[in-house]
């Protein structure tokens, strides 16, 4: 479903390409990405993540760095300046939680593997933001603590109110997303980090008190919100796309996708080999979960459009993200079927 929404949004945006997209697209990092990441964090199985912390750590730390360096190297071959190449590499280093989670769940993958790719996509988003924006580690840690504290407080507040209406719970969480994200950004921390922690801690606090029907209803509202927000984001990107950059975008995106694939193989088939609990079939499944999405698009739009090569970089990321989604549609179900058939 998500690739279709992305393509539809991109096509709609291309119809209105011009200054409108350039004006509004930079706002995506503050107004569109936070609720998308909250929705993914809200559904994260923390106990499953705790049991799978070793592969998650490998995928998030060296995995993100390797991907950023590979993409930056590919762009250097196209004569992009190093600062711009590194920024694009960092933006594309993180997998997309919305796309990855949707794909992983739809193909019936084992719970532990779903938890690994879910946690990877959320935590490497925070790492990628830090790389792009050169975030202060201490301020990012403060933002994480702020998000966790706010999640616990909002969860307790929802339990105290004894919320029984899904829409009310959803509205409370939306308020928390924008309030906490804005507060973290205000003191120089990472709103993305704060929102991810908010989602995890708020859900943990309320899941034993709020009835299952209310939780399911709130999740349904978030799923539809994610669909709408992804459509808007890709439409903004399409509206900012310059058809004159199409040739550069196709060539650059081809090199970038190859670089991402190489980095993914190094991490999953190389570094993860040290973990005996992950069979080759399981590592192959993780390798195919390298789908990029909303965060990559939003981060590349923080680049000043007046910098040399910035417009081409935006076009390359736009095409590369769409390409990884289309590859994921084909590759993930196939690897899942092979994994289930192998019984490992």
Foldseek 3Di string as FASTA:
>chain_A
DLLVLLVLLLVLLLVQADVVLLVPLLCCQQPQVLLQLLLLLLPADVVLCVVVVVLLVLCQPVLLVQQLVLQLVLVVVVVDDNLLSSLLSLLLSAFALVLLLVLCVVLPFDPSLSNSLSSNNLNNLLVSVCSNVVADPVLQVVLLVLLQVLLLVLLVVCLVVLDQALVVNLVSLVVVLNVSLVVSVVVRYHSSNSSSNSSNNNSVSNVVRHDPVSVVSNSVVSVVSSSVSQSNNSSSLSNHADVVLVVLLVVSLVSSLVSSLVSLCCSLVNVVVVPVVQDPLSSQLSSLSRAHGDSSLNSLSVDDPPPPCSNSSNSNSSVNNSVSSVSSVPRNSVSSVVCVVVVD
